[in-house]
Amino acid sequence: MPSYELCMIMRALRSEALAKELVPILQRVQSLGGVVQDVKSVGSQPLPHKMKAHFEHHDKGTYSFLRFESSPTALPQLDTALKRNSSIIRHNFVKLPALDAKPMTCRFKPKR
């Protein structure tokens, strides 16, 4: 299964409230056959510009990152669930490179 990173900007939340909001997202990933590898939160920060989501304007947000493995067919279902979540202002999926990829070799010509 390919690895993905879900980058989310959520409403400005404290750590307890953030944990409560992340649990259903993690459960949704697992219910779609995914395996959660890592969860990180950078904390609340000012947004680069005001963003409107779910009929509200936001100027601060909590940045969270979720690394997981899942089949590509599960992403549209997860995307729909995230769009319906009123705590999420923006989200984006990033496909991560495979870990078993061969490392690139580099050869340098000697100086003349």
Protein backbone atom coordinates (compact mmCIF):
# COMPACT_ATOMS: atom_id res chain seq x y z
CA MET A 1 0.00 0.00 0.00
CA PRO A 2 1.29 3.47 -0.79
CA SER A 3 2.09 5.93 2.00
CA TYR A 4 0.35 9.29 2.25
CA GLU A 5 0.57 12.36 4.43
CA LEU A 6 -2.61 14.21 5.24
CA CYS A 7 -1.92 17.89 5.93
CA MET A 8 -4.75 19.65 7.75
CA ILE A 9 -5.49 23.14 8.97
CA MET A 10 -8.09 22.84 11.69
CA ARG A 11 -9.90 25.42 13.80
CA ALA A 12 -7.67 26.84 16.53
CA LEU A 13 -8.00 24.17 19.22
CA ARG A 14 -6.30 23.35 22.52
CA SER A 15 -4.53 20.01 22.80
CA GLU A 16 -7.43 18.23 24.57
CA ALA A 17 -9.98 19.38 22.01
CA LEU A 18 -7.57 18.60 19.17
CA ALA A 19 -7.18 15.02 20.39
CA LYS A 20 -10.97 14.60 20.46
CA GLU A 21 -11.22 15.91 16.89
CA LEU A 22 -8.40 13.69 15.58
CA VAL A 23 -9.77 10.40 16.99
CA PRO A 24 -12.68 10.12 14.48
CA ILE A 25 -10.30 10.91 11.61
CA LEU A 26 -7.90 8.18 12.72
CA GLN A 27 -10.80 5.74 13.11
CA ARG A 28 -12.04 6.60 9.61
CA VAL A 29 -8.60 5.88 8.11
CA GLN A 30 -8.53 2.53 9.90
CA SER A 31 -12.10 1.65 8.90
CA LEU A 32 -11.12 2.14 5.25
CA GLY A 33 -8.28 -0.37 5.64
CA GLY A 34 -5.51 2.12 6.30
CA VAL A 35 -2.68 1.91 8.82
CA VAL A 36 -1.80 5.08 10.74
CA GLN A 37 1.96 5.53 11.11
CA ASP A 38 2.39 8.95 12.73
CA VAL A 39 0.40 11.95 13.95
CA LYS A 40 1.98 15.38 14.50
CA SER A 41 0.59 18.75 15.45
CA VAL A 42 2.52 21.98 15.09
CA GLY A 43 -0.01 23.86 17.21
CA SER A 44 -2.11 26.95 16.59
CA GLN A 45 -0.61 29.62 14.38
CA PRO A 46 -1.90 32.65 12.50
CA LEU A 47 -3.08 31.78 8.99
CA PRO A 48 -1.38 33.48 6.01
CA HIS A 49 -4.73 35.05 5.14
CA LYS A 50 -8.30 34.85 6.38
CA MET A 51 -9.94 31.61 5.31
CA LYS A 52 -13.62 30.84 5.12
CA ALA A 53 -14.85 27.34 5.87
CA HIS A 54 -18.25 26.06 6.96
CA PHE A 55 -19.74 29.59 7.01
CA GLU A 56 -17.06 30.94 9.39
CA HIS A 57 -14.02 33.16 8.85
CA HIS A 58 -10.76 32.00 10.44
CA ASP A 59 -7.54 33.91 11.10
CA LYS A 60 -5.86 31.26 13.32
CA GLY A 61 -5.59 27.54 12.77
CA THR A 62 -4.04 24.37 14.16
CA TYR A 63 -1.70 22.61 11.75
CA SER A 64 -1.77 18.79 11.96
CA PHE A 65 -0.09 16.08 9.91
CA LEU A 66 -1.16 12.46 9.66
CA ARG A 67 1.07 9.87 7.98
CA PHE A 68 -0.67 6.66 6.94
CA GLU A 69 -0.71 3.79 4.46
CA SER A 70 -3.87 3.13 2.49
CA SER A 71 -5.12 1.96 -0.85
CA PRO A 72 -5.63 4.74 -3.41
CA THR A 73 -9.31 3.80 -3.75
CA ALA A 74 -9.96 4.80 -0.11
CA LEU A 75 -8.79 8.40 -0.58
CA PRO A 76 -11.99 9.75 -2.19
CA GLN A 77 -14.08 8.38 0.70
CA LEU A 78 -11.70 9.89 3.25
CA ASP A 79 -11.70 13.19 1.32
CA THR A 80 -15.51 13.33 1.48
CA ALA A 81 -15.48 12.68 5.23
CA LEU A 82 -12.90 15.43 5.79
CA LYS A 83 -14.89 17.95 3.73
CA ARG A 84 -17.91 17.31 5.97
CA ASN A 85 -15.92 17.79 9.19
CA SER A 86 -16.65 21.30 10.45
CA SER A 87 -13.37 21.46 12.41
CA ILE A 88 -11.22 21.21 9.28
CA ILE A 89 -10.56 24.46 7.40
CA ARG A 90 -8.30 23.00 4.67
CA HIS A 91 -6.78 19.60 3.96
CA ASN A 92 -4.52 18.03 1.34
CA PHE A 93 -3.15 14.56 0.61
CA VAL A 94 0.50 14.11 -0.38
CA LYS A 95 1.73 10.79 -1.73
CA LEU A 96 5.07 9.90 -0.15
CA PRO A 97 7.87 8.19 -2.07
CA ALA A 98 8.25 4.45 -1.58
CA LEU A 99 10.82 3.50 1.05
CA ASP A 100 12.14 0.57 -0.94
CA ALA A 101 13.14 2.79 -3.87
CA LYS A 102 16.75 2.39 -4.95
CA PRO A 103 19.03 5.24 -3.87
CA MET A 104 20.41 7.37 -6.66
CA THR A 105 24.13 7.25 -7.32
CA CYS A 106 26.12 10.28 -8.27
CA ARG A 107 29.48 10.29 -10.02
CA PHE A 108 31.68 13.33 -10.16
CA LYS A 109 34.36 13.94 -12.74
CA PRO A 110 37.80 14.71 -11.35
CA LYS A 111 38.97 18.34 -11.50
CA ARG A 112 41.37 19.15 -14.29
